């Protein structure tokens, strides 16, 4: 059916339109090739972006884990030192009492000497 329509087109129109149609078809193919090329580049960029994003995310999570471990280590060390101090406080209080008694005894000794 299409062939019959082409036969009915006057030859002068064919001479004018067919080269233009052929030219337009070539341009469309070139545009399609450019679009395909751009799609490949976009896909490549998207893949690169995703890989970098995942890499940075994993690196960030690794660093956060390291910071969490360091904080936990410092917390543990702090509690150990607090426990040690709590154990020393009664001893320090007794030592202070002894120093006060010694000071009193020395004063009494000086009073007795004079």
Protein backbone atom coordinates (compact mmCIF):
# COMPACT_ATOMS: atom_id res chain seq x y z
CA UNK A 1 0.00 0.00 0.00
CA UNK A 2 2.78 2.42 0.87
CA UNK A 3 4.48 1.54 -2.37
CA UNK A 4 1.41 2.62 -4.30
CA UNK A 5 1.41 5.97 -2.52
CA UNK A 6 5.05 6.50 -3.50
CA UNK A 7 4.13 5.76 -7.11
CA UNK A 8 1.44 8.42 -7.00
CA UNK A 9 3.86 11.13 -5.81
CA UNK A 10 5.00 13.22 -8.76
CA UNK A 11 8.63 12.69 -9.72
CA UNK A 12 9.67 16.28 -9.04
CA UNK A 13 8.46 15.94 -5.43
CA UNK A 14 10.38 12.68 -5.12
CA UNK A 15 13.52 14.41 -6.34
CA UNK A 16 13.08 17.17 -3.77
CA UNK A 17 11.82 15.16 -0.78
CA UNK A 18 13.71 11.88 -0.94
CA UNK A 19 17.19 13.45 -0.58
CA UNK A 20 15.93 15.57 2.30
CA UNK A 21 14.25 12.59 3.93
CA UNK A 22 17.42 10.60 3.48
CA UNK A 23 19.44 13.46 5.00
CA UNK A 24 17.02 13.74 7.93
CA UNK A 25 17.19 9.98 8.44
CA UNK A 26 21.00 10.20 8.58
CA UNK A 27 20.83 13.06 11.07
CA UNK A 28 18.38 11.12 13.24
CA UNK A 29 20.72 8.13 13.22
CA UNK A 30 23.63 10.40 14.20
CA UNK A 31 21.54 11.92 16.99
CA UNK A 32 20.56 8.44 18.19
CA UNK A 33 24.24 7.44 18.20
CA UNK A 34 25.08 10.54 20.27
CA UNK A 35 22.24 9.77 22.67
CA UNK A 36 23.47 6.18 23.03
CA UNK A 37 26.98 7.49 23.68
CA UNK A 38 25.70 9.95 26.28
CA UNK A 39 23.65 7.21 27.96
CA UNK A 40 26.76 5.07 28.21
CA UNK A 41 28.71 7.97 29.69
CA UNK A 42 25.92 8.71 32.17
CA UNK A 43 25.78 5.03 33.12
CA UNK A 44 29.55 5.02 33.60
CA UNK A 45 29.43 8.18 35.71
CA UNK A 46 26.57 6.77 37.75
CA UNK A 47 28.49 3.55 38.34
CA UNK A 48 31.61 5.51 39.35
CA UNK A 49 29.56 7.73 41.66
CA UNK A 50 27.87 4.74 43.29
CA UNK A 51 31.21 2.97 43.78
CA UNK A 52 32.73 6.07 45.36
CA UNK A 53 29.67 6.64 47.51
CA UNK A 54 29.75 3.06 48.78
CA UNK A 55 33.49 3.29 49.37
CA UNK A 56 33.16 6.55 51.31
CA UNK A 57 30.22 5.16 53.28
CA UNK A 58 32.20 2.06 54.24
CA UNK A 59 35.23 4.17 55.18
CA UNK A 60 33.04 6.44 57.29
CA UNK A 61 31.44 3.47 59.06
CA UNK A 62 34.88 1.98 59.70
CA UNK A 63 36.07 5.25 61.21
CA UNK A 64 32.92 5.56 63.32
CA UNK A 65 33.50 2.03 64.60
CA UNK A 66 37.09 2.95 65.48
CA UNK A 67 35.90 6.08 67.31
CA UNK A 68 33.28 4.02 69.17
CA UNK A 69 35.94 1.52 70.24
CA UNK A 70 38.24 4.32 71.38
CA UNK A 71 35.42 5.94 73.37
CA UNK A 72 34.59 2.59 74.96
CA UNK A 73 38.25 2.05 75.81
CA UNK A 74 38.50 5.52 77.39
CA UNK A 75 35.25 4.95 79.29
CA UNK A 76 36.57 1.67 80.65
CA UNK A 77 39.88 3.29 81.62
CA UNK A 78 38.04 6.15 83.32
CA UNK A 79 35.87 3.76 85.35
CA UNK A 80 38.96 1.78 86.36
CA UNK A 81 40.64 4.96 87.58
CA UNK A 82 37.51 6.07 89.43
CA UNK A 83 37.30 2.67 91.11
CA UNK A 84 40.95 2.97 92.09
CA UNK A 85 40.35 6.45 93.51
CA UNK A 86 37.31 5.27 95.44
CA UNK A 87 39.44 2.58 97.02
CA UNK A 88 42.13 5.11 97.92
CA UNK A 89 39.81 7.69 99.51
CA UNK A 90 39.32 5.81 102.82
CA UNK A 91 43.06 5.24 102.96
CA UNK A 92 43.70 8.93 102.30
CA UNK A 93 41.21 9.86 105.02
CA UNK A 94 43.02 7.59 107.50
CA UNK A 95 46.35 9.07 106.44
CA UNK A 96 44.97 12.57 107.01
CA UNK A 97 43.76 11.53 110.46
CA UNK A 98 47.20 10.16 111.25
CA UNK A 99 48.87 13.38 110.08
CA UNK A 100 46.53 15.38 112.31
CA UNK A 101 47.32 13.12 115.30
CA UNK A 102 51.05 13.38 114.63
CA UNK A 103 50.75 17.17 114.46
CA UNK A 104 48.88 17.18 117.81
CA UNK A 105 51.44 14.87 119.37
CA UNK A 106 54.27 17.10 118.19
CA UNK A 107 52.53 20.14 119.70
CA UNK A 108 51.98 18.28 122.95
CA UNK A 109 55.61 17.21 122.90
CA UNK A 110 56.72 20.82 122.46
CA UNK A 111 54.43 21.94 125.27
CA UNK A 112 55.84 19.27 127.57
CA UNK A 113 59.41 20.25 126.66
CA UNK A 114 58.86 23.86 127.45
